[in-house]
Amino acid sequence: MKMVIAIVQDKDSQRLSNALVKQKFRATKLASTGGFLRAGNTTFMIGVEDHLIDNVLEVIKANCKTRDQVVNPVTPLGETTDSYIPFPVEVQVGGAAVFVVPVEKFINF
């Protein structure tokens, strides 16, 4: 058994949730926040048997898209702002950061 942890942008969250339900995968959703852009994310925790890992990854890949977004960088903490001039920067957001970790034991009380 494996635990798939997928961190996705909020814009993709509902679409992924619906697709997982449609494919009969159960997931726990947690609200999370990214450290760089400080934007809303959703973290999905999906327990799955080893032979279904590729299926789950395909569902995630099909429903989480990357996109370009222009952002204003956050002022660095602890530094003077006299020399800091924030210029808008184009960054790639979205997609999914996915971790697949082994589950040593699963207990359902």
PDB file of N, CA and C in Angstrom:
ATOM      1  N   MET A   1       0.848  -1.176   0.000  1.00  0.00           N
ATOM      2  CA  MET A   1       0.000   0.000   0.000  1.00  0.00           C
ATOM      3  C   MET A   1       0.892   1.236   0.000  1.00  0.00           C
ATOM      4  N   LYS A   2       0.414   2.287  -0.656  1.00  0.00           N
ATOM      5  CA  LYS A   2       1.138   3.549  -0.741  1.00  0.00           C
ATOM      6  C   LYS A   2       0.224   4.698  -0.333  1.00  0.00           C
ATOM      7  N   MET A   3       0.843   5.786   0.106  1.00  0.00           N
ATOM      8  CA  MET A   3       0.135   7.032   0.368  1.00  0.00           C
ATOM      9  C   MET A   3       0.595   8.021  -0.694  1.00  0.00           C
ATOM     10  N   VAL A   4      -0.349   8.496  -1.490  1.00  0.00           N
ATOM     11  CA  VAL A   4      -0.062   9.518  -2.495  1.00  0.00           C
ATOM     12  C   VAL A   4      -0.455  10.854  -1.881  1.00  0.00           C
ATOM     13  N   ILE A   5       0.504  11.756  -1.799  1.00  0.00           N
ATOM     14  CA  ILE A   5       0.261  13.099  -1.283  1.00  0.00           C
ATOM     15  C   ILE A   5       0.429  14.042  -2.466  1.00  0.00           C
ATOM     16  N   ALA A   6      -0.655  14.691  -2.853  1.00  0.00           N
ATOM     17  CA  ALA A   6      -0.634  15.584  -4.018  1.00  0.00           C
ATOM     18  C   ALA A   6      -1.005  16.994  -3.578  1.00  0.00           C
ATOM     19  N   ILE A   7      -0.117  17.940  -3.833  1.00  0.00           N
ATOM     20  CA  ILE A   7      -0.370  19.339  -3.511  1.00  0.00           C
ATOM     21  C   ILE A   7      -0.721  20.037  -4.815  1.00  0.00           C
ATOM     22  N   VAL A   8      -1.957  20.545  -4.895  1.00  0.00           N
ATOM     23  CA  VAL A   8      -2.445  21.136  -6.137  1.00  0.00           C
ATOM     24  C   VAL A   8      -2.968  22.548  -5.880  1.00  0.00           C
ATOM     25  N   GLN A   9      -2.980  23.353  -6.916  1.00  0.00           N
ATOM     26  CA  GLN A   9      -3.513  24.706  -6.804  1.00  0.00           C
ATOM     27  C   GLN A   9      -5.026  24.638  -6.592  1.00  0.00           C
ATOM     28  N   ASP A  10      -5.549  25.570  -5.816  1.00  0.00           N
ATOM     29  CA  ASP A  10      -6.984  25.570  -5.520  1.00  0.00           C
ATOM     30  C   ASP A  10      -7.848  25.548  -6.786  1.00  0.00           C
ATOM     31  N   LYS A  11      -7.364  26.177  -7.860  1.00  0.00           N
ATOM     32  CA  LYS A  11      -8.141  26.212  -9.105  1.00  0.00           C
ATOM     33  C   LYS A  11      -8.390  24.813  -9.669  1.00  0.00           C
ATOM     34  N   ASP A  12      -7.498  23.864  -9.358  1.00  0.00           N
ATOM     35  CA  ASP A  12      -7.629  22.502  -9.868  1.00  0.00           C
ATOM     36  C   ASP A  12      -8.271  21.555  -8.859  1.00  0.00           C
ATOM     37  N   SER A  13      -8.482  22.024  -7.652  1.00  0.00           N
ATOM     38  CA  SER A  13      -8.903  21.168  -6.552  1.00  0.00           C
ATOM     39  C   SER A  13     -10.245  20.472  -6.791  1.00  0.00           C
ATOM     40  N   GLN A  14     -11.256  21.218  -7.151  1.00  0.00           N
ATOM     41  CA  GLN A  14     -12.592  20.625  -7.324  1.00  0.00           C
ATOM     42  C   GLN A  14     -12.627  19.650  -8.487  1.00  0.00           C
ATOM     43  N   ARG A  15     -11.951  20.012  -9.580  1.00  0.00           N
ATOM     44  CA  ARG A  15     -11.912  19.121 -10.749  1.00  0.00           C
ATOM     45  C   ARG A  15     -11.226  17.799 -10.385  1.00  0.00           C
ATOM     46  N   LEU A  16     -10.108  17.883  -9.655  1.00  0.00           N
ATOM     47  CA  LEU A  16      -9.409  16.665  -9.245  1.00  0.00           C
ATOM     48  C   LEU A  16     -10.256  15.850  -8.277  1.00  0.00           C
ATOM     49  N   SER A  17     -10.894  16.502  -7.334  1.00  0.00           N
ATOM     50  CA  SER A  17     -11.738  15.807  -6.367  1.00  0.00           C
ATOM     51  C   SER A  17     -12.849  15.033  -7.066  1.00  0.00           C
ATOM     52  N   ASN A  18     -13.505  15.670  -8.018  1.00  0.00           N
ATOM     53  CA  ASN A  18     -14.572  15.008  -8.777  1.00  0.00           C
ATOM     54  C   ASN A  18     -14.042  13.818  -9.576  1.00  0.00           C
ATOM     55  N   ALA A  19     -12.879  13.985 -10.178  1.00  0.00           N
ATOM     56  CA  ALA A  19     -12.301  12.904 -10.984  1.00  0.00           C
ATOM     57  C   ALA A  19     -11.899  11.718 -10.114  1.00  0.00           C
ATOM     58  N   LEU A  20     -11.365  11.990  -8.922  1.00  0.00           N
ATOM     59  CA  LEU A  20     -10.999  10.899  -8.024  1.00  0.00           C
ATOM     60  C   LEU A  20     -12.231  10.118  -7.583  1.00  0.00           C
ATOM     61  N   VAL A  21     -13.311  10.828  -7.259  1.00  0.00           N
ATOM     62  CA  VAL A  21     -14.562  10.167  -6.859  1.00  0.00           C
ATOM     63  C   VAL A  21     -15.102   9.330  -8.018  1.00  0.00           C
ATOM     64  N   LYS A  22     -15.060   9.887  -9.220  1.00  0.00           N
ATOM     65  CA  LYS A  22     -15.564   9.176 -10.397  1.00  0.00           C
ATOM     66  C   LYS A  22     -14.803   7.866 -10.631  1.00  0.00           C
ATOM     67  N   GLN A  23     -13.493   7.889 -10.330  1.00  0.00           N
ATOM     68  CA  GLN A  23     -12.664   6.685 -10.498  1.00  0.00           C
ATOM     69  C   GLN A  23     -12.655   5.807  -9.246  1.00  0.00           C
ATOM     70  N   LYS A  24     -13.484   6.176  -8.256  1.00  0.00           N
ATOM     71  CA  LYS A  24     -13.641   5.412  -7.019  1.00  0.00           C
ATOM     72  C   LYS A  24     -12.402   5.398  -6.131  1.00  0.00           C
ATOM     73  N   PHE A  25     -11.628   6.490  -6.177  1.00  0.00           N
ATOM     74  CA  PHE A  25     -10.515   6.667  -5.254  1.00  0.00           C
ATOM     75  C   PHE A  25     -10.975   7.583  -4.124  1.00  0.00           C
ATOM     76  N   ARG A  26     -10.680   7.188  -2.900  1.00  0.00           N
ATOM     77  CA  ARG A  26     -11.029   8.012  -1.753  1.00  0.00           C
ATOM     78  C   ARG A  26      -9.843   8.894  -1.404  1.00  0.00           C
ATOM     79  N   ALA A  27     -10.138  10.123  -1.029  1.00  0.00           N
ATOM     80  CA  ALA A  27      -9.059  11.060  -0.698  1.00  0.00           C
ATOM     81  C   ALA A  27      -9.483  11.948   0.462  1.00  0.00           C
ATOM     82  N   THR A  28      -8.513  12.357   1.227  1.00  0.00           N
ATOM     83  CA  THR A  28      -8.723  13.364   2.259  1.00  0.00           C
ATOM     84  C   THR A  28      -8.123  14.657   1.739  1.00  0.00           C
ATOM     85  N   LYS A  29      -8.908  15.746   1.819  1.00  0.00           N
ATOM     86  CA  LYS A  29      -8.449  17.049   1.336  1.00  0.00           C
ATOM     87  C   LYS A  29      -8.094  17.932   2.530  1.00  0.00           C
ATOM     88  N   LEU A  30      -6.955  18.588   2.430  1.00  0.00           N
ATOM     89  CA  LEU A  30      -6.518  19.519   3.456  1.00  0.00           C
ATOM     90  C   LEU A  30      -6.226  20.871   2.809  1.00  0.00           C
ATOM     91  N   ALA A  31      -6.696  21.939   3.416  1.00  0.00           N
ATOM     92  CA  ALA A  31      -6.354  23.277   2.928  1.00  0.00           C
ATOM     93  C   ALA A  31      -4.895  23.552   3.288  1.00  0.00           C
ATOM     94  N   SER A  32      -4.140  24.090   2.341  1.00  0.00           N
ATOM     95  CA  SER A  32      -2.732  24.395   2.591  1.00  0.00           C
ATOM     96  C   SER A  32      -2.372  25.677   1.864  1.00  0.00           C
ATOM     97  N   THR A  33      -1.226  26.223   2.206  1.00  0.00           N
ATOM     98  CA  THR A  33      -0.765  27.470   1.596  1.00  0.00           C
ATOM     99  C   THR A  33       0.659  27.299   1.129  1.00  0.00           C
ATOM    100  N   GLY A  34       0.932  27.736  -0.090  1.00  0.00           N
ATOM    101  CA  GLY A  34       2.284  27.658  -0.624  1.00  0.00           C
ATOM    102  C   GLY A  34       3.202  28.675   0.027  1.00  0.00           C
ATOM    103  N   GLY A  35       4.452  28.336   0.168  1.00  0.00           N
ATOM    104  CA  GLY A  35       5.410  29.221   0.825  1.00  0.00           C
ATOM    105  C   GLY A  35       5.913  30.338  -0.060  1.00  0.00           C
ATOM    106  N   PHE A  36       6.068  30.105  -1.354  1.00  0.00           N
ATOM    107  CA  PHE A  36       6.645  31.116  -2.236  1.00  0.00           C
ATOM    108  C   PHE A  36       5.623  32.182  -2.608  1.00  0.00           C
ATOM    109  N   LEU A  37       4.494  31.782  -3.147  1.00  0.00           N
ATOM    110  CA  LEU A  37       3.479  32.752  -3.580  1.00  0.00           C
ATOM    111  C   LEU A  37       2.462  33.042  -2.485  1.00  0.00           C
ATOM    112  N   ARG A  38       2.503  32.269  -1.420  1.00  0.00           N
ATOM    113  CA  ARG A  38       1.530  32.400  -0.325  1.00  0.00           C
ATOM    114  C   ARG A  38       0.095  32.307  -0.853  1.00  0.00           C
ATOM    115  N   ALA A  39      -0.074  31.408  -1.811  1.00  0.00           N
ATOM    116  CA  ALA A  39      -1.382  31.220  -2.444  1.00  0.00           C
ATOM    117  C   ALA A  39      -2.021  29.936  -1.922  1.00  0.00           C
ATOM    118  N   GLY A  40      -3.337  29.880  -2.039  1.00  0.00           N
ATOM    119  CA  GLY A  40      -4.072  28.713  -1.557  1.00  0.00           C
ATOM    120  C   GLY A  40      -3.808  27.474  -2.386  1.00  0.00           C
ATOM    121  N   ASN A  41      -3.609  26.384  -1.694  1.00  0.00           N
ATOM    122  CA  ASN A  41      -3.436  25.075  -2.301  1.00  0.00           C
ATOM    123  C   ASN A  41      -4.371  24.104  -1.605  1.00  0.00           C
ATOM    124  N   THR A  42      -4.505  22.942  -2.187  1.00  0.00           N
ATOM    125  CA  THR A  42      -5.200  21.842  -1.531  1.00  0.00           C
ATOM    126  C   THR A  42      -4.266  20.650  -1.553  1.00  0.00           C
ATOM    127  N   THR A  43      -4.117  20.018  -0.412  1.00  0.00           N
ATOM    128  CA  THR A  43      -3.300  18.819  -0.316  1.00  0.00           C
ATOM    129  C   THR A  43      -4.232  17.612  -0.230  1.00  0.00           C
ATOM    130  N   PHE A  44      -4.069  16.694  -1.164  1.00  0.00           N
ATOM    131  CA  PHE A  44      -4.853  15.462  -1.196  1.00  0.00           C
ATOM    132  C   PHE A  44      -4.001  14.335  -0.631  1.00  0.00           C
ATOM    133  N   MET A  45      -4.572  13.564   0.262  1.00  0.00           N
ATOM    134  CA  MET A  45      -3.926  12.360   0.778  1.00  0.00           C
ATOM    135  C   MET A  45      -4.761  11.174   0.314  1.00  0.00           C
ATOM    136  N   ILE A  46      -4.136  10.310  -0.488  1.00  0.00           N
ATOM    137  CA  ILE A  46      -4.859   9.208  -1.123  1.00  0.00           C
ATOM    138  C   ILE A  46      -4.148   7.900  -0.794  1.00  0.00           C
ATOM    139  N   GLY A  47      -4.800   7.051  -0.019  1.00  0.00           N
ATOM    140  CA  GLY A  47      -4.267   5.720   0.247  1.00  0.00           C
ATOM    141  C   GLY A  47      -4.674   4.798  -0.885  1.00  0.00           C
ATOM    142  N   VAL A  48      -3.701   4.080  -1.449  1.00  0.00           N
ATOM    143  CA  VAL A  48      -4.003   3.265  -2.626  1.00  0.00           C
ATOM    144  C   VAL A  48      -3.112   2.024  -2.657  1.00  0.00           C
ATOM    145  N   GLU A  49      -3.675   0.953  -3.165  1.00  0.00           N
ATOM    146  CA  GLU A  49      -2.895  -0.281  -3.338  1.00  0.00           C
ATOM    147  C   GLU A  49      -1.830  -0.066  -4.416  1.00  0.00           C
ATOM    148  N   ASP A  50      -0.735  -0.788  -4.277  1.00  0.00           N
ATOM    149  CA  ASP A  50       0.419  -0.589  -5.165  1.00  0.00           C
ATOM    150  C   ASP A  50       0.064  -0.684  -6.648  1.00  0.00           C
ATOM    151  N   HIS A  51      -0.787  -1.636  -7.012  1.00  0.00           N
ATOM    152  CA  HIS A  51      -1.090  -1.844  -8.434  1.00  0.00           C
ATOM    153  C   HIS A  51      -1.952  -0.721  -9.033  1.00  0.00           C
ATOM    154  N   LEU A  52      -2.467   0.182  -8.188  1.00  0.00           N
ATOM    155  CA  LEU A  52      -3.302   1.287  -8.683  1.00  0.00           C
ATOM    156  C   LEU A  52      -2.582   2.645  -8.700  1.00  0.00           C
ATOM    157  N   ILE A  53      -1.310   2.645  -8.346  1.00  0.00           N
ATOM    158  CA  ILE A  53      -0.551   3.907  -8.291  1.00  0.00           C
ATOM    159  C   ILE A  53      -0.585   4.627  -9.633  1.00  0.00           C
ATOM    160  N   ASP A  54      -0.301   3.936 -10.725  1.00  0.00           N
ATOM    161  CA  ASP A  54      -0.279   4.584 -12.041  1.00  0.00           C
ATOM    162  C   ASP A  54      -1.641   5.176 -12.396  1.00  0.00           C
ATOM    163  N   ASN A  55      -2.723   4.518 -12.007  1.00  0.00           N
ATOM    164  CA  ASN A  55      -4.065   5.036 -12.281  1.00  0.00           C
ATOM    165  C   ASN A  55      -4.301   6.355 -11.548  1.00  0.00           C
ATOM    166  N   VAL A  56      -3.922   6.413 -10.274  1.00  0.00           N
ATOM    167  CA  VAL A  56      -4.094   7.637  -9.495  1.00  0.00           C
ATOM    168  C   VAL A  56      -3.256   8.764 -10.089  1.00  0.00           C
ATOM    169  N   LEU A  57      -2.020   8.456 -10.453  1.00  0.00           N
ATOM    170  CA  LEU A  57      -1.147   9.480 -11.027  1.00  0.00           C
ATOM    171  C   LEU A  57      -1.696  10.015 -12.344  1.00  0.00           C
ATOM    172  N   GLU A  58      -2.306   9.152 -13.144  1.00  0.00           N
ATOM    173  CA  GLU A  58      -2.914   9.608 -14.402  1.00  0.00           C
ATOM    174  C   GLU A  58      -4.092  10.548 -14.142  1.00  0.00           C
ATOM    175  N   VAL A  59      -4.903  10.242 -13.139  1.00  0.00           N
ATOM    176  CA  VAL A  59      -6.028  11.112 -12.788  1.00  0.00           C
ATOM    177  C   VAL A  59      -5.514  12.474 -12.349  1.00  0.00           C
ATOM    178  N   ILE A  60      -4.476  12.484 -11.534  1.00  0.00           N
ATOM    179  CA  ILE A  60      -3.899  13.750 -11.074  1.00  0.00           C
ATOM    180  C   ILE A  60      -3.348  14.532 -12.256  1.00  0.00           C
ATOM    181  N   LYS A  61      -2.570  13.870 -13.086  1.00  0.00           N
ATOM    182  CA  LYS A  61      -1.957  14.532 -14.246  1.00  0.00           C
ATOM    183  C   LYS A  61      -3.007  15.113 -15.195  1.00  0.00           C
ATOM    184  N   ALA A  62      -4.098  14.399 -15.396  1.00  0.00           N
ATOM    185  CA  ALA A  62      -5.141  14.845 -16.324  1.00  0.00           C
ATOM    186  C   ALA A  62      -5.950  16.030 -15.793  1.00  0.00           C
ATOM    187  N   ASN A  63      -5.915  16.260 -14.492  1.00  0.00           N
ATOM    188  CA  ASN A  63      -6.787  17.282 -13.909  1.00  0.00           C
ATOM    189  C   ASN A  63      -6.059  18.455 -13.264  1.00  0.00           C
ATOM    190  N   CYS A  64      -4.763  18.456 -13.269  1.00  0.00           N
ATOM    191  CA  CYS A  64      -3.985  19.536 -12.663  1.00  0.00           C
ATOM    192  C   CYS A  64      -3.066  20.142 -13.709  1.00  0.00           C
ATOM    193  N   LYS A  65      -3.410  21.323 -14.164  1.00  0.00           N
ATOM    194  CA  LYS A  65      -2.694  21.957 -15.262  1.00  0.00           C
ATOM    195  C   LYS A  65      -1.778  23.076 -14.764  1.00  0.00           C
ATOM    196  N   THR A  66      -0.622  23.208 -15.411  1.00  0.00           N
ATOM    197  CA  THR A  66       0.256  24.336 -15.110  1.00  0.00           C
ATOM    198  C   THR A  66      -0.201  25.547 -15.919  1.00  0.00           C
ATOM    199  N   ARG A  67       0.059  26.709 -15.378  1.00  0.00           N
ATOM    200  CA  ARG A  67      -0.289  27.958 -16.061  1.00  0.00           C
ATOM    201  C   ARG A  67       0.706  29.016 -15.653  1.00  0.00           C
ATOM    202  N   ASP A  68       0.862  30.039 -16.489  1.00  0.00           N
ATOM    203  CA  ASP A  68       1.748  31.157 -16.161  1.00  0.00           C
ATOM    204  C   ASP A  68       0.944  32.240 -15.467  1.00  0.00           C
ATOM    205  N   GLN A  69       1.577  32.880 -14.481  1.00  0.00           N
ATOM    206  CA  GLN A  69       0.906  33.925 -13.719  1.00  0.00           C
ATOM    207  C   GLN A  69       1.925  35.016 -13.408  1.00  0.00           C
ATOM    208  N   VAL A  70       1.508  36.255 -13.536  1.00  0.00           N
ATOM    209  CA  VAL A  70       2.372  37.378 -13.194  1.00  0.00           C
ATOM    210  C   VAL A  70       2.109  37.753 -11.743  1.00  0.00           C
ATOM    211  N   VAL A  71       3.188  37.802 -10.942  1.00  0.00           N
ATOM    212  CA  VAL A  71       3.049  38.118  -9.519  1.00  0.00           C
ATOM    213  C   VAL A  71       4.034  39.214  -9.139  1.00  0.00           C
ATOM    214  N   ASN A  72       3.688  39.939  -8.090  1.00  0.00           N
ATOM    215  CA  ASN A  72       4.613  40.887  -7.495  1.00  0.00           C
ATOM    216  C   ASN A  72       5.290  40.187  -6.332  1.00  0.00           C
ATOM    217  N   PRO A  73       6.620  40.100  -6.356  1.00  0.00           N
ATOM    218  CA  PRO A  73       7.312  39.414  -5.267  1.00  0.00           C
ATOM    219  C   PRO A  73       7.017  40.074  -3.927  1.00  0.00           C
ATOM    220  N   VAL A  74       6.999  39.260  -2.885  1.00  0.00           N
ATOM    221  CA  VAL A  74       6.774  39.753  -1.533  1.00  0.00           C
ATOM    222  C   VAL A  74       8.061  40.380  -1.028  1.00  0.00           C
ATOM    223  N   THR A  75       7.944  41.474  -0.285  1.00  0.00           N
ATOM    224  CA  THR A  75       9.119  42.135   0.276  1.00  0.00           C
ATOM    225  C   THR A  75       9.857  41.159   1.187  1.00  0.00           C
ATOM    226  N   PRO A  76      11.192  41.055   1.018  1.00  0.00           N
ATOM    227  CA  PRO A  76      11.939  40.130   1.867  1.00  0.00           C
ATOM    228  C   PRO A  76      11.830  40.524   3.335  1.00  0.00           C
ATOM    229  N   LEU A  77      11.611  39.558   4.190  1.00  0.00           N
ATOM    230  CA  LEU A  77      11.499  39.822   5.617  1.00  0.00           C
ATOM    231  C   LEU A  77      12.886  40.063   6.214  1.00  0.00           C
ATOM    232  N   GLY A  78      12.967  41.001   7.120  1.00  0.00           N
ATOM    233  CA  GLY A  78      14.223  41.244   7.818  1.00  0.00           C
ATOM    234  C   GLY A  78      15.214  42.078   7.045  1.00  0.00           C
ATOM    235  N   GLU A  79      14.860  42.531   5.879  1.00  0.00           N
ATOM    236  CA  GLU A  79      15.764  43.362   5.093  1.00  0.00           C
ATOM    237  C   GLU A  79      15.160  44.736   4.929  1.00  0.00           C
ATOM    238  N   THR A  80      15.992  45.706   4.656  1.00  0.00           N
ATOM    239  CA  THR A  80      15.481  47.050   4.430  1.00  0.00           C
ATOM    240  C   THR A  80      14.801  47.105   3.087  1.00  0.00           C
ATOM    241  N   THR A  81      13.768  47.895   3.015  1.00  0.00           N
ATOM    242  CA  THR A  81      13.021  48.005   1.760  1.00  0.00           C
ATOM    243  C   THR A  81      13.498  49.184   0.924  1.00  0.00           C
ATOM    244  N   ASP A  82      14.523  49.905   1.398  1.00  0.00           N
ATOM    245  CA  ASP A  82      15.025  51.060   0.650  1.00  0.00           C
ATOM    246  C   ASP A  82      15.556  50.665  -0.725  1.00  0.00           C
ATOM    247  N   SER A  83      16.261  49.551  -0.793  1.00  0.00           N
ATOM    248  CA  SER A  83      16.864  49.140  -2.058  1.00  0.00           C
ATOM    249  C   SER A  83      16.050  48.072  -2.782  1.00  0.00           C
ATOM    250  N   TYR A  84      14.911  47.726  -2.251  1.00  0.00           N
ATOM    251  CA  TYR A  84      14.093  46.663  -2.838  1.00  0.00           C
ATOM    252  C   TYR A  84      13.019  47.270  -3.715  1.00  0.00           C
ATOM    253  N   ILE A  85      13.081  46.979  -5.008  1.00  0.00           N
ATOM    254  CA  ILE A  85      12.084  47.476  -5.954  1.00  0.00           C
ATOM    255  C   ILE A  85      11.384  46.258  -6.550  1.00  0.00           C
ATOM    256  N   PRO A  86      10.132  46.059  -6.164  1.00  0.00           N
ATOM    257  CA  PRO A  86       9.442  44.862  -6.663  1.00  0.00           C
ATOM    258  C   PRO A  86       9.005  45.026  -8.116  1.00  0.00           C
ATOM    259  N   PHE A  87       9.482  44.147  -8.973  1.00  0.00           N
ATOM    260  CA  PHE A  87       9.058  44.109 -10.358  1.00  0.00           C
ATOM    261  C   PHE A  87       8.179  42.882 -10.545  1.00  0.00           C
ATOM    262  N   PRO A  88       7.105  43.004 -11.302  1.00  0.00           N
ATOM    263  CA  PRO A  88       6.285  41.818 -11.558  1.00  0.00           C
ATOM    264  C   PRO A  88       7.121  40.733 -12.234  1.00  0.00           C
ATOM    265  N   VAL A  89       6.892  39.509 -11.826  1.00  0.00           N
ATOM    266  CA  VAL A  89       7.635  38.370 -12.340  1.00  0.00           C
ATOM    267  C   VAL A  89       6.630  37.333 -12.827  1.00  0.00           C
ATOM    268  N   GLU A  90       6.918  36.746 -13.987  1.00  0.00           N
ATOM    269  CA  GLU A  90       6.049  35.686 -14.489  1.00  0.00           C
ATOM    270  C   GLU A  90       6.573  34.352 -13.971  1.00  0.00           C
ATOM    271  N   VAL A  91       5.702  33.603 -13.301  1.00  0.00           N
ATOM    272  CA  VAL A  91       6.071  32.297 -12.758  1.00  0.00           C
ATOM    273  C   VAL A  91       5.073  31.255 -13.227  1.00  0.00           C
ATOM    274  N   GLN A  92       5.520  30.016 -13.210  1.00  0.00           N
ATOM    275  CA  GLN A  92       4.626  28.918 -13.573  1.00  0.00           C
ATOM    276  C   GLN A  92       3.972  28.400 -12.297  1.00  0.00           C
ATOM    277  N   VAL A  93       2.650  28.311 -12.293  1.00  0.00           N
ATOM    278  CA  VAL A  93       1.903  27.824 -11.131  1.00  0.00           C
ATOM    279  C   VAL A  93       1.011  26.668 -11.573  1.00  0.00           C
ATOM    280  N   GLY A  94       0.432  26.013 -10.606  1.00  0.00           N
ATOM    281  CA  GLY A  94      -0.475  24.921 -10.923  1.00  0.00           C
ATOM    282  C   GLY A  94       0.258  23.611 -11.047  1.00  0.00           C
ATOM    283  N   GLY A  95      -0.350  22.702 -11.757  1.00  0.00           N
ATOM    284  CA  GLY A  95       0.210  21.367 -11.817  1.00  0.00           C
ATOM    285  C   GLY A  95       0.016  20.681 -10.484  1.00  0.00           C
ATOM    286  N   ALA A  96       0.891  19.779 -10.163  1.00  0.00           N
ATOM    287  CA  ALA A  96       0.795  19.076  -8.889  1.00  0.00           C
ATOM    288  C   ALA A  96       2.186  18.653  -8.440  1.00  0.00           C
ATOM    289  N   ALA A  97       2.439  18.824  -7.156  1.00  0.00           N
ATOM    290  CA  ALA A  97       3.631  18.245  -6.536  1.00  0.00           C
ATOM    291  C   ALA A  97       3.147  16.972  -5.859  1.00  0.00           C
ATOM    292  N   VAL A  98       3.677  15.834  -6.294  1.00  0.00           N
ATOM    293  CA  VAL A  98       3.156  14.543  -5.842  1.00  0.00           C
ATOM    294  C   VAL A  98       4.269  13.740  -5.169  1.00  0.00           C
ATOM    295  N   PHE A  99       3.936  13.210  -4.002  1.00  0.00           N
ATOM    296  CA  PHE A  99       4.835  12.332  -3.270  1.00  0.00           C
ATOM    297  C   PHE A  99       4.144  10.974  -3.126  1.00  0.00           C
ATOM    298  N   VAL A 100       4.876   9.917  -3.389  1.00  0.00           N
ATOM    299  CA  VAL A 100       4.351   8.570  -3.200  1.00  0.00           C
ATOM    300  C   VAL A 100       5.237   7.918  -2.139  1.00  0.00           C
ATOM    301  N   VAL A 101       4.618   7.597  -1.002  1.00  0.00           N
ATOM    302  CA  VAL A 101       5.389   7.046   0.112  1.00  0.00           C
ATOM    303  C   VAL A 101       4.797   5.695   0.545  1.00  0.00           C
ATOM    304  N   PRO A 102       5.647   4.796   0.985  1.00  0.00           N
ATOM    305  CA  PRO A 102       5.132   3.490   1.433  1.00  0.00           C
ATOM    306  C   PRO A 102       4.379   3.619   2.747  1.00  0.00           C
ATOM    307  N   VAL A 103       3.367   2.786   2.896  1.00  0.00           N
ATOM    308  CA  VAL A 103       2.591   2.729   4.129  1.00  0.00           C
ATOM    309  C   VAL A 103       2.972   1.435   4.841  1.00  0.00           C
ATOM    310  N   GLU A 104       3.545   1.578   6.014  1.00  0.00           N
ATOM    311  CA  GLU A 104       3.965   0.392   6.761  1.00  0.00           C
ATOM    312  C   GLU A 104       2.782  -0.354   7.338  1.00  0.00           C
ATOM    313  N   LYS A 105       1.786   0.418   7.817  1.00  0.00           N
ATOM    314  CA  LYS A 105       0.622  -0.204   8.432  1.00  0.00           C
ATOM    315  C   LYS A 105      -0.574   0.714   8.258  1.00  0.00           C
ATOM    316  N   PHE A 106      -1.739   0.122   7.965  1.00  0.00           N
ATOM    317  CA  PHE A 106      -2.993   0.870   7.883  1.00  0.00           C
ATOM    318  C   PHE A 106      -3.960   0.261   8.874  1.00  0.00           C
ATOM    319  N   ILE A 107      -4.492   1.105   9.747  1.00  0.00           N
ATOM    320  CA  ILE A 107      -5.448   0.635  10.746  1.00  0.00           C
ATOM    321  C   ILE A 107      -6.702   1.473  10.621  1.00  0.00           C
ATOM    322  N   ASN A 108      -7.850   0.823  10.545  1.00  0.00           N
ATOM    323  CA  ASN A 108      -9.117   1.515  10.445  1.00  0.00           C
ATOM    324  C   ASN A 108      -9.968   1.115  11.647  1.00  0.00           C
ATOM    325  N   PHE A 109     -10.133   2.020  12.601  1.00  0.00           N
ATOM    326  CA  PHE A 109     -10.901   1.730  13.821  1.00  0.00           C
ATOM    327  C   PHE A 109     -12.355   2.061  13.622  1.00  0.00           C
TER     328      PHE A 109
END
